[in-house]
Amino acid sequence: MKLVIVTAVKQFQKDVLQLFKKAHIENFSSTEIDGYKNGSSLFMASNWFSVEKSGNESSMFFSFTEDENIDALFTLIKEFNTNLETNNPIKAIVVPIEKSI
């Protein structure tokens, strides 16, 4: 069993849910988060409110699941990201579980 964590901009929330379903990951949790990228100094200097940083509305999903489900999910995410027209791919990481209760 491993922990998979997936982040995506809010507009891809329904897509992530479909990818989880296709990968047979039925038990998971989610939370809303703000995603940030470090802007170039030129961009920040040209911004009238340069002190303020605005984040992208994003979602984070996580699930404790088996390796075969994670492999399927990663394949689906890679395929999804190849067809994107934005610079906001779905991202995922896997964390091994040493102990659980």
PDB file of N, CA and C in Angstrom:
ATOM      1  N   MET A   1       0.840  -1.177   0.000  1.00  0.00           N
ATOM      2  CA  MET A   1       0.000   0.000   0.000  1.00  0.00           C
ATOM      3  C   MET A   1       0.886   1.242   0.000  1.00  0.00           C
ATOM      4  N   LYS A   2       0.471   2.248  -0.779  1.00  0.00           N
ATOM      5  CA  LYS A   2       1.192   3.505  -0.857  1.00  0.00           C
ATOM      6  C   LYS A   2       0.207   4.659  -0.834  1.00  0.00           C
ATOM      7  N   LEU A   3       0.749   5.834  -0.588  1.00  0.00           N
ATOM      8  CA  LEU A   3      -0.052   7.052  -0.597  1.00  0.00           C
ATOM      9  C   LEU A   3       0.213   7.779  -1.906  1.00  0.00           C
ATOM     10  N   VAL A   4      -0.837   8.048  -2.667  1.00  0.00           N
ATOM     11  CA  VAL A   4      -0.706   8.835  -3.888  1.00  0.00           C
ATOM     12  C   VAL A   4      -1.348  10.191  -3.635  1.00  0.00           C
ATOM     13  N   ILE A   5      -0.633  11.235  -4.047  1.00  0.00           N
ATOM     14  CA  ILE A   5      -1.116  12.608  -3.894  1.00  0.00           C
ATOM     15  C   ILE A   5      -1.166  13.240  -5.271  1.00  0.00           C
ATOM     16  N   VAL A   6      -2.308  13.821  -5.610  1.00  0.00           N
ATOM     17  CA  VAL A   6      -2.514  14.427  -6.924  1.00  0.00           C
ATOM     18  C   VAL A   6      -2.947  15.875  -6.730  1.00  0.00           C
ATOM     19  N   THR A   7      -2.328  16.782  -7.478  1.00  0.00           N
ATOM     20  CA  THR A   7      -2.747  18.180  -7.456  1.00  0.00           C
ATOM     21  C   THR A   7      -3.130  18.615  -8.865  1.00  0.00           C
ATOM     22  N   ALA A   8      -4.121  19.480  -8.934  1.00  0.00           N
ATOM     23  CA  ALA A   8      -4.602  19.980 -10.222  1.00  0.00           C
ATOM     24  C   ALA A   8      -5.304  21.309 -10.019  1.00  0.00           C
ATOM     25  N   VAL A   9      -5.295  22.144 -11.053  1.00  0.00           N
ATOM     26  CA  VAL A   9      -6.074  23.377 -10.979  1.00  0.00           C
ATOM     27  C   VAL A   9      -7.551  22.998 -10.911  1.00  0.00           C
ATOM     28  N   LYS A  10      -8.327  23.877 -10.334  1.00  0.00           N
ATOM     29  CA  LYS A  10      -9.741  23.586 -10.064  1.00  0.00           C
ATOM     30  C   LYS A  10     -10.522  23.172 -11.314  1.00  0.00           C
ATOM     31  N   GLN A  11     -10.174  23.726 -12.475  1.00  0.00           N
ATOM     32  CA  GLN A  11     -10.912  23.398 -13.691  1.00  0.00           C
ATOM     33  C   GLN A  11     -10.752  21.929 -14.088  1.00  0.00           C
ATOM     34  N   PHE A  12      -9.750  21.227 -13.543  1.00  0.00           N
ATOM     35  CA  PHE A  12      -9.549  19.815 -13.857  1.00  0.00           C
ATOM     36  C   PHE A  12     -10.076  18.879 -12.772  1.00  0.00           C
ATOM     37  N   GLN A  13     -10.809  19.404 -11.801  1.00  0.00           N
ATOM     38  CA  GLN A  13     -11.288  18.586 -10.688  1.00  0.00           C
ATOM     39  C   GLN A  13     -12.128  17.399 -11.169  1.00  0.00           C
ATOM     40  N   LYS A  14     -13.071  17.640 -12.060  1.00  0.00           N
ATOM     41  CA  LYS A  14     -13.906  16.543 -12.572  1.00  0.00           C
ATOM     42  C   LYS A  14     -13.081  15.538 -13.359  1.00  0.00           C
ATOM     43  N   ASP A  15     -12.069  16.018 -14.066  1.00  0.00           N
ATOM     44  CA  ASP A  15     -11.195  15.117 -14.828  1.00  0.00           C
ATOM     45  C   ASP A  15     -10.415  14.195 -13.885  1.00  0.00           C
ATOM     46  N   VAL A  16      -9.913  14.752 -12.794  1.00  0.00           N
ATOM     47  CA  VAL A  16      -9.178  13.934 -11.824  1.00  0.00           C
ATOM     48  C   VAL A  16     -10.095  12.865 -11.235  1.00  0.00           C
ATOM     49  N   LEU A  17     -11.320  13.236 -10.928  1.00  0.00           N
ATOM     50  CA  LEU A  17     -12.266  12.258 -10.379  1.00  0.00           C
ATOM     51  C   LEU A  17     -12.502  11.120 -11.367  1.00  0.00           C
ATOM     52  N   GLN A  18     -12.595  11.452 -12.653  1.00  0.00           N
ATOM     53  CA  GLN A  18     -12.758  10.420 -13.691  1.00  0.00           C
ATOM     54  C   GLN A  18     -11.513   9.538 -13.788  1.00  0.00           C
ATOM     55  N   LEU A  19     -10.331  10.140 -13.675  1.00  0.00           N
ATOM     56  CA  LEU A  19      -9.088   9.369 -13.733  1.00  0.00           C
ATOM     57  C   LEU A  19      -8.989   8.413 -12.546  1.00  0.00           C
ATOM     58  N   PHE A  20      -9.386   8.868 -11.357  1.00  0.00           N
ATOM     59  CA  PHE A  20      -9.404   7.988 -10.192  1.00  0.00           C
ATOM     60  C   PHE A  20     -10.351   6.814 -10.440  1.00  0.00           C
ATOM     61  N   LYS A  21     -11.507   7.104 -10.986  1.00  0.00           N
ATOM     62  CA  LYS A  21     -12.493   6.053 -11.240  1.00  0.00           C
ATOM     63  C   LYS A  21     -11.937   5.025 -12.233  1.00  0.00           C
ATOM     64  N   LYS A  22     -11.332   5.501 -13.315  1.00  0.00           N
ATOM     65  CA  LYS A  22     -10.764   4.594 -14.327  1.00  0.00           C
ATOM     66  C   LYS A  22      -9.622   3.759 -13.761  1.00  0.00           C
ATOM     67  N   ALA A  23      -8.894   4.309 -12.780  1.00  0.00           N
ATOM     68  CA  ALA A  23      -7.776   3.587 -12.161  1.00  0.00           C
ATOM     69  C   ALA A  23      -8.236   2.697 -11.004  1.00  0.00           C
ATOM     70  N   HIS A  24      -9.536   2.636 -10.786  1.00  0.00           N
ATOM     71  CA  HIS A  24     -10.141   1.829  -9.720  1.00  0.00           C
ATOM     72  C   HIS A  24      -9.715   2.285  -8.322  1.00  0.00           C
ATOM     73  N   ILE A  25      -9.517   3.600  -8.175  1.00  0.00           N
ATOM     74  CA  ILE A  25      -9.252   4.185  -6.867  1.00  0.00           C
ATOM     75  C   ILE A  25     -10.579   4.776  -6.394  1.00  0.00           C
ATOM     76  N   GLU A  26     -11.258   4.034  -5.539  1.00  0.00           N
ATOM     77  CA  GLU A  26     -12.604   4.406  -5.132  1.00  0.00           C
ATOM     78  C   GLU A  26     -12.645   5.144  -3.796  1.00  0.00           C
ATOM     79  N   ASN A  27     -11.617   4.978  -2.979  1.00  0.00           N
ATOM     80  CA  ASN A  27     -11.568   5.641  -1.672  1.00  0.00           C
ATOM     81  C   ASN A  27     -10.458   6.682  -1.685  1.00  0.00           C
ATOM     82  N   PHE A  28     -10.832   7.932  -1.508  1.00  0.00           N
ATOM     83  CA  PHE A  28      -9.852   9.013  -1.524  1.00  0.00           C
ATOM     84  C   PHE A  28     -10.419  10.207  -0.784  1.00  0.00           C
ATOM     85  N   SER A  29      -9.556  11.156  -0.530  1.00  0.00           N
ATOM     86  CA  SER A  29      -9.953  12.414   0.106  1.00  0.00           C
ATOM     87  C   SER A  29      -9.506  13.557  -0.787  1.00  0.00           C
ATOM     88  N   SER A  30     -10.123  14.718  -0.598  1.00  0.00           N
ATOM     89  CA  SER A  30      -9.716  15.891  -1.370  1.00  0.00           C
ATOM     90  C   SER A  30      -9.844  17.139  -0.516  1.00  0.00           C
ATOM     91  N   THR A  31      -9.141  18.162  -0.924  1.00  0.00           N
ATOM     92  CA  THR A  31      -9.204  19.448  -0.252  1.00  0.00           C
ATOM     93  C   THR A  31      -8.884  20.545  -1.266  1.00  0.00           C
ATOM     94  N   GLU A  32      -9.424  21.716  -1.022  1.00  0.00           N
ATOM     95  CA  GLU A  32      -9.129  22.857  -1.884  1.00  0.00           C
ATOM     96  C   GLU A  32      -7.854  23.521  -1.384  1.00  0.00           C
ATOM     97  N   ILE A  33      -6.998  23.914  -2.318  1.00  0.00           N
ATOM     98  CA  ILE A  33      -5.741  24.575  -1.983  1.00  0.00           C
ATOM     99  C   ILE A  33      -5.510  25.728  -2.958  1.00  0.00           C
ATOM    100  N   ASP A  34      -4.577  26.589  -2.638  1.00  0.00           N
ATOM    101  CA  ASP A  34      -4.133  27.629  -3.560  1.00  0.00           C
ATOM    102  C   ASP A  34      -2.761  27.223  -4.073  1.00  0.00           C
ATOM    103  N   GLY A  35      -2.602  27.212  -5.393  1.00  0.00           N
ATOM    104  CA  GLY A  35      -1.324  26.872  -6.000  1.00  0.00           C
ATOM    105  C   GLY A  35      -0.601  28.135  -6.429  1.00  0.00           C
ATOM    106  N   TYR A  36       0.699  28.170  -6.202  1.00  0.00           N
ATOM    107  CA  TYR A  36       1.496  29.354  -6.532  1.00  0.00           C
ATOM    108  C   TYR A  36       2.677  28.957  -7.411  1.00  0.00           C
ATOM    109  N   LYS A  37       3.064  29.882  -8.283  1.00  0.00           N
ATOM    110  CA  LYS A  37       4.287  29.768  -9.064  1.00  0.00           C
ATOM    111  C   LYS A  37       5.059  31.050  -8.814  1.00  0.00           C
ATOM    112  N   ASN A  38       6.369  30.941  -8.706  1.00  0.00           N
ATOM    113  CA  ASN A  38       7.184  32.140  -8.560  1.00  0.00           C
ATOM    114  C   ASN A  38       7.231  32.863  -9.887  1.00  0.00           C
ATOM    115  N   GLY A  39       6.733  34.099  -9.913  1.00  0.00           N
ATOM    116  CA  GLY A  39       6.733  34.896 -11.127  1.00  0.00           C
ATOM    117  C   GLY A  39       8.091  35.525 -11.354  1.00  0.00           C
ATOM    118  N   SER A  40       8.367  35.908 -12.585  1.00  0.00           N
ATOM    119  CA  SER A  40       9.618  36.588 -12.883  1.00  0.00           C
ATOM    120  C   SER A  40       9.586  37.979 -12.253  1.00  0.00           C
ATOM    121  N   SER A  41      10.745  38.548 -12.009  1.00  0.00           N
ATOM    122  CA  SER A  41      10.801  39.871 -11.400  1.00  0.00           C
ATOM    123  C   SER A  41      10.184  40.922 -12.313  1.00  0.00           C
ATOM    124  N   LEU A  42      10.282  40.734 -13.629  1.00  0.00           N
ATOM    125  CA  LEU A  42       9.665  41.667 -14.573  1.00  0.00           C
ATOM    126  C   LEU A  42       8.160  41.665 -14.401  1.00  0.00           C
ATOM    127  N   PHE A  43       7.577  40.491 -14.281  1.00  0.00           N
ATOM    128  CA  PHE A  43       6.130  40.388 -14.101  1.00  0.00           C
ATOM    129  C   PHE A  43       5.706  41.051 -12.793  1.00  0.00           C
ATOM    130  N   MET A  44       6.435  40.793 -11.743  1.00  0.00           N
ATOM    131  CA  MET A  44       6.074  41.363 -10.451  1.00  0.00           C
ATOM    132  C   MET A  44       6.242  42.887 -10.460  1.00  0.00           C
ATOM    133  N   ALA A  45       7.277  43.384 -11.137  1.00  0.00           N
ATOM    134  CA  ALA A  45       7.510  44.817 -11.180  1.00  0.00           C
ATOM    135  C   ALA A  45       6.439  45.532 -11.996  1.00  0.00           C
ATOM    136  N   SER A  46       5.898  44.872 -13.005  1.00  0.00           N
ATOM    137  CA  SER A  46       4.897  45.504 -13.853  1.00  0.00           C
ATOM    138  C   SER A  46       3.497  45.425 -13.254  1.00  0.00           C
ATOM    139  N   ASN A  47       3.350  44.660 -12.211  1.00  0.00           N
ATOM    140  CA  ASN A  47       2.062  44.497 -11.562  1.00  0.00           C
ATOM    141  C   ASN A  47       1.823  45.668 -10.617  1.00  0.00           C
ATOM    142  N   TRP A  48       0.691  46.355 -10.771  1.00  0.00           N
ATOM    143  CA  TRP A  48       0.367  47.499  -9.934  1.00  0.00           C
ATOM    144  C   TRP A  48       0.377  47.120  -8.451  1.00  0.00           C
ATOM    145  N   PHE A  49      -0.144  45.933  -8.158  1.00  0.00           N
ATOM    146  CA  PHE A  49      -0.182  45.444  -6.775  1.00  0.00           C
ATOM    147  C   PHE A  49       0.913  44.406  -6.590  1.00  0.00           C
ATOM    148  N   SER A  50       2.161  44.773  -6.840  1.00  0.00           N
ATOM    149  CA  SER A  50       3.252  43.804  -6.865  1.00  0.00           C
ATOM    150  C   SER A  50       3.507  43.147  -5.513  1.00  0.00           C
ATOM    151  N   VAL A  51       3.028  43.730  -4.432  1.00  0.00           N
ATOM    152  CA  VAL A  51       3.212  43.119  -3.127  1.00  0.00           C
ATOM    153  C   VAL A  51       2.307  41.902  -2.976  1.00  0.00           C
ATOM    154  N   GLU A  52       1.152  41.933  -3.641  1.00  0.00           N
ATOM    155  CA  GLU A  52       0.192  40.836  -3.543  1.00  0.00           C
ATOM    156  C   GLU A  52       0.559  39.716  -4.496  1.00  0.00           C
ATOM    157  N   LYS A  53       0.417  38.513  -4.022  1.00  0.00           N
ATOM    158  CA  LYS A  53       0.591  37.348  -4.880  1.00  0.00           C
ATOM    159  C   LYS A  53      -0.738  36.616  -4.898  1.00  0.00           C
ATOM    160  N   SER A  54      -1.231  36.335  -6.070  1.00  0.00           N
ATOM    161  CA  SER A  54      -2.495  35.609  -6.133  1.00  0.00           C
ATOM    162  C   SER A  54      -2.211  34.171  -6.532  1.00  0.00           C
ATOM    163  N   GLY A  55      -2.929  33.263  -5.937  1.00  0.00           N
ATOM    164  CA  GLY A  55      -2.751  31.852  -6.235  1.00  0.00           C
ATOM    165  C   GLY A  55      -3.837  31.357  -7.159  1.00  0.00           C
ATOM    166  N   ASN A  56      -3.573  30.207  -7.752  1.00  0.00           N
ATOM    167  CA  ASN A  56      -4.572  29.538  -8.583  1.00  0.00           C
ATOM    168  C   ASN A  56      -5.412  28.640  -7.689  1.00  0.00           C
ATOM    169  N   GLU A  57      -6.715  28.693  -7.874  1.00  0.00           N
ATOM    170  CA  GLU A  57      -7.574  27.776  -7.135  1.00  0.00           C
ATOM    171  C   GLU A  57      -7.271  26.377  -7.629  1.00  0.00           C
ATOM    172  N   SER A  58      -6.912  25.511  -6.702  1.00  0.00           N
ATOM    173  CA  SER A  58      -6.493  24.155  -7.049  1.00  0.00           C
ATOM    174  C   SER A  58      -7.142  23.159  -6.107  1.00  0.00           C
ATOM    175  N   SER A  59      -6.961  21.893  -6.430  1.00  0.00           N
ATOM    176  CA  SER A  59      -7.456  20.814  -5.585  1.00  0.00           C
ATOM    177  C   SER A  59      -6.335  19.813  -5.353  1.00  0.00           C
ATOM    178  N   MET A  60      -6.352  19.210  -4.171  1.00  0.00           N
ATOM    179  CA  MET A  60      -5.415  18.139  -3.857  1.00  0.00           C
ATOM    180  C   MET A  60      -6.225  16.908  -3.473  1.00  0.00           C
ATOM    181  N   PHE A  61      -5.862  15.795  -4.066  1.00  0.00           N
ATOM    182  CA  PHE A  61      -6.519  14.522  -3.797  1.00  0.00           C
ATOM    183  C   PHE A  61      -5.475  13.571  -3.244  1.00  0.00           C
ATOM    184  N   PHE A  62      -5.882  12.704  -2.313  1.00  0.00           N
ATOM    185  CA  PHE A  62      -4.944  11.703  -1.825  1.00  0.00           C
ATOM    186  C   PHE A  62      -5.672  10.426  -1.472  1.00  0.00           C
ATOM    187  N   SER A  63      -4.937   9.324  -1.656  1.00  0.00           N
ATOM    188  CA  SER A  63      -5.533   8.017  -1.405  1.00  0.00           C
ATOM    189  C   SER A  63      -4.460   7.018  -0.991  1.00  0.00           C
ATOM    190  N   PHE A  64      -4.804   6.153  -0.059  1.00  0.00           N
ATOM    191  CA  PHE A  64      -3.972   5.005   0.270  1.00  0.00           C
ATOM    192  C   PHE A  64      -4.473   3.873  -0.619  1.00  0.00           C
ATOM    193  N   THR A  65      -3.627   3.401  -1.519  1.00  0.00           N
ATOM    194  CA  THR A  65      -4.083   2.410  -2.484  1.00  0.00           C
ATOM    195  C   THR A  65      -2.943   1.492  -2.899  1.00  0.00           C
ATOM    196  N   GLU A  66      -3.269   0.516  -3.717  1.00  0.00           N
ATOM    197  CA  GLU A  66      -2.304  -0.501  -4.142  1.00  0.00           C
ATOM    198  C   GLU A  66      -1.504  -0.042  -5.358  1.00  0.00           C
ATOM    199  N   ASP A  67      -0.341  -0.669  -5.545  1.00  0.00           N
ATOM    200  CA  ASP A  67       0.577  -0.306  -6.635  1.00  0.00           C
ATOM    201  C   ASP A  67      -0.075  -0.355  -8.011  1.00  0.00           C
ATOM    202  N   GLU A  68      -0.872  -1.386  -8.280  1.00  0.00           N
ATOM    203  CA  GLU A  68      -1.464  -1.511  -9.621  1.00  0.00           C
ATOM    204  C   GLU A  68      -2.433  -0.370  -9.928  1.00  0.00           C
ATOM    205  N   ASN A  69      -3.127   0.123  -8.912  1.00  0.00           N
ATOM    206  CA  ASN A  69      -4.021   1.267  -9.108  1.00  0.00           C
ATOM    207  C   ASN A  69      -3.225   2.542  -9.382  1.00  0.00           C
ATOM    208  N   ILE A  70      -2.112   2.695  -8.681  1.00  0.00           N
ATOM    209  CA  ILE A  70      -1.254   3.860  -8.884  1.00  0.00           C
ATOM    210  C   ILE A  70      -0.637   3.828 -10.277  1.00  0.00           C
ATOM    211  N   ASP A  71      -0.175   2.652 -10.704  1.00  0.00           N
ATOM    212  CA  ASP A  71       0.393   2.529 -12.052  1.00  0.00           C
ATOM    213  C   ASP A  71      -0.634   2.928 -13.110  1.00  0.00           C
ATOM    214  N   ALA A  72      -1.853   2.462 -12.934  1.00  0.00           N
ATOM    215  CA  ALA A  72      -2.916   2.804 -13.884  1.00  0.00           C
ATOM    216  C   ALA A  72      -3.195   4.308 -13.853  1.00  0.00           C
ATOM    217  N   LEU A  73      -3.240   4.895 -12.668  1.00  0.00           N
ATOM    218  CA  LEU A  73      -3.494   6.328 -12.532  1.00  0.00           C
ATOM    219  C   LEU A  73      -2.398   7.144 -13.214  1.00  0.00           C
ATOM    220  N   PHE A  74      -1.127   6.772 -13.009  1.00  0.00           N
ATOM    221  CA  PHE A  74      -0.028   7.507 -13.620  1.00  0.00           C
ATOM    222  C   PHE A  74      -0.092   7.429 -15.150  1.00  0.00           C
ATOM    223  N   THR A  75      -0.454   6.285 -15.677  1.00  0.00           N
ATOM    224  CA  THR A  75      -0.607   6.142 -17.130  1.00  0.00           C
ATOM    225  C   THR A  75      -1.695   7.077 -17.634  1.00  0.00           C
ATOM    226  N   LEU A  76      -2.815   7.115 -16.933  1.00  0.00           N
ATOM    227  CA  LEU A  76      -3.933   7.980 -17.320  1.00  0.00           C
ATOM    228  C   LEU A  76      -3.574   9.461 -17.208  1.00  0.00           C
ATOM    229  N   ILE A  77      -2.839   9.830 -16.165  1.00  0.00           N
ATOM    230  CA  ILE A  77      -2.437  11.232 -15.991  1.00  0.00           C
ATOM    231  C   ILE A  77      -1.472  11.653 -17.087  1.00  0.00           C
ATOM    232  N   LYS A  78      -0.503  10.793 -17.414  1.00  0.00           N
ATOM    233  CA  LYS A  78       0.443  11.109 -18.495  1.00  0.00           C
ATOM    234  C   LYS A  78      -0.293  11.339 -19.806  1.00  0.00           C
ATOM    235  N   GLU A  79      -1.268  10.473 -20.086  1.00  0.00           N
ATOM    236  CA  GLU A  79      -2.060  10.621 -21.309  1.00  0.00           C
ATOM    237  C   GLU A  79      -2.858  11.923 -21.290  1.00  0.00           C
ATOM    238  N   PHE A  80      -3.472  12.221 -20.164  1.00  0.00           N
ATOM    239  CA  PHE A  80      -4.252  13.453 -20.024  1.00  0.00           C
ATOM    240  C   PHE A  80      -3.373  14.681 -20.250  1.00  0.00           C
ATOM    241  N   ASN A  81      -2.186  14.690 -19.630  1.00  0.00           N
ATOM    242  CA  ASN A  81      -1.297  15.848 -19.716  1.00  0.00           C
ATOM    243  C   ASN A  81      -0.747  16.073 -21.126  1.00  0.00           C
ATOM    244  N   THR A  82      -0.643  15.038 -21.941  1.00  0.00           N
ATOM    245  CA  THR A  82      -0.120  15.212 -23.303  1.00  0.00           C
ATOM    246  C   THR A  82      -1.105  15.977 -24.183  1.00  0.00           C
ATOM    247  N   ASN A  83      -2.368  16.002 -23.810  1.00  0.00           N
ATOM    248  CA  ASN A  83      -3.395  16.663 -24.611  1.00  0.00           C
ATOM    249  C   ASN A  83      -3.793  18.038 -24.074  1.00  0.00           C
ATOM    250  N   LEU A  84      -3.019  18.576 -23.139  1.00  0.00           N
ATOM    251  CA  LEU A  84      -3.370  19.856 -22.523  1.00  0.00           C
ATOM    252  C   LEU A  84      -3.040  21.036 -23.420  1.00  0.00           C
ATOM    253  N   GLU A  85      -3.884  22.050 -23.343  1.00  0.00           N
ATOM    254  CA  GLU A  85      -3.625  23.300 -24.050  1.00  0.00           C
ATOM    255  C   GLU A  85      -3.201  24.388 -23.071  1.00  0.00           C
ATOM    256  N   THR A  86      -3.026  24.042 -21.805  1.00  0.00           N
ATOM    257  CA  THR A  86      -2.604  25.003 -20.786  1.00  0.00           C
ATOM    258  C   THR A  86      -1.245  24.585 -20.237  1.00  0.00           C
ATOM    259  N   ASN A  87      -0.695  25.427 -19.394  1.00  0.00           N
ATOM    260  CA  ASN A  87       0.582  25.128 -18.755  1.00  0.00           C
ATOM    261  C   ASN A  87       0.357  24.697 -17.302  1.00  0.00           C
ATOM    262  N   ASN A  88      -0.739  23.985 -17.066  1.00  0.00           N
ATOM    263  CA  ASN A  88      -1.095  23.542 -15.718  1.00  0.00           C
ATOM    264  C   ASN A  88      -1.379  22.044 -15.706  1.00  0.00           C
ATOM    265  N   PRO A  89      -0.354  21.220 -15.862  1.00  0.00           N
ATOM    266  CA  PRO A  89      -0.607  19.776 -15.888  1.00  0.00           C
ATOM    267  C   PRO A  89      -1.049  19.248 -14.526  1.00  0.00           C
ATOM    268  N   ILE A  90      -1.722  18.124 -14.567  1.00  0.00           N
ATOM    269  CA  ILE A  90      -2.026  17.407 -13.333  1.00  0.00           C
ATOM    270  C   ILE A  90      -0.709  16.817 -12.841  1.00  0.00           C
ATOM    271  N   LYS A  91      -0.445  16.944 -11.551  1.00  0.00           N
ATOM    272  CA  LYS A  91       0.799  16.426 -10.978  1.00  0.00           C
ATOM    273  C   LYS A  91       0.466  15.371  -9.932  1.00  0.00           C
ATOM    274  N   ALA A  92       1.343  14.382  -9.819  1.00  0.00           N
ATOM    275  CA  ALA A  92       1.119  13.312  -8.857  1.00  0.00           C
ATOM    276  C   ALA A  92       2.442  12.839  -8.277  1.00  0.00           C
ATOM    277  N   ILE A  93       2.405  12.419  -7.025  1.00  0.00           N
ATOM    278  CA  ILE A  93       3.561  11.810  -6.375  1.00  0.00           C
ATOM    279  C   ILE A  93       3.086  10.582  -5.612  1.00  0.00           C
ATOM    280  N   VAL A  94       4.027   9.703  -5.304  1.00  0.00           N
ATOM    281  CA  VAL A  94       3.729   8.502  -4.527  1.00  0.00           C
ATOM    282  C   VAL A  94       4.665   8.475  -3.319  1.00  0.00           C
ATOM    283  N   VAL A  95       4.084   8.159  -2.162  1.00  0.00           N
ATOM    284  CA  VAL A  95       4.843   8.073  -0.925  1.00  0.00           C
ATOM    285  C   VAL A  95       4.652   6.666  -0.371  1.00  0.00           C
ATOM    286  N   PRO A  96       5.770   5.943  -0.121  1.00  0.00           N
ATOM    287  CA  PRO A  96       5.620   4.611   0.452  1.00  0.00           C
ATOM    288  C   PRO A  96       5.170   4.690   1.918  1.00  0.00           C
ATOM    289  N   ILE A  97       4.434   3.703   2.338  1.00  0.00           N
ATOM    290  CA  ILE A  97       3.930   3.643   3.712  1.00  0.00           C
ATOM    291  C   ILE A  97       4.751   2.609   4.478  1.00  0.00           C
ATOM    292  N   GLU A  98       5.416   3.053   5.524  1.00  0.00           N
ATOM    293  CA  GLU A  98       6.230   2.133   6.321  1.00  0.00           C
ATOM    294  C   GLU A  98       5.387   1.426   7.376  1.00  0.00           C
ATOM    295  N   LYS A  99       4.460   2.165   7.971  1.00  0.00           N
ATOM    296  CA  LYS A  99       3.588   1.591   9.000  1.00  0.00           C
ATOM    297  C   LYS A  99       2.220   2.192   8.863  1.00  0.00           C
ATOM    298  N   SER A 100       1.209   1.436   9.238  1.00  0.00           N
ATOM    299  CA  SER A 100      -0.149   1.988   9.270  1.00  0.00           C
ATOM    300  C   SER A 100      -0.959   1.223  10.317  1.00  0.00           C
ATOM    301  N   ILE A 101      -1.990   1.866  10.788  1.00  0.00           N
ATOM    302  CA  ILE A 101      -2.881   1.227  11.773  1.00  0.00           C
ATOM    303  C   ILE A 101      -4.285   1.308  11.221  1.00  0.00           C
TER     304      ILE A 101
END
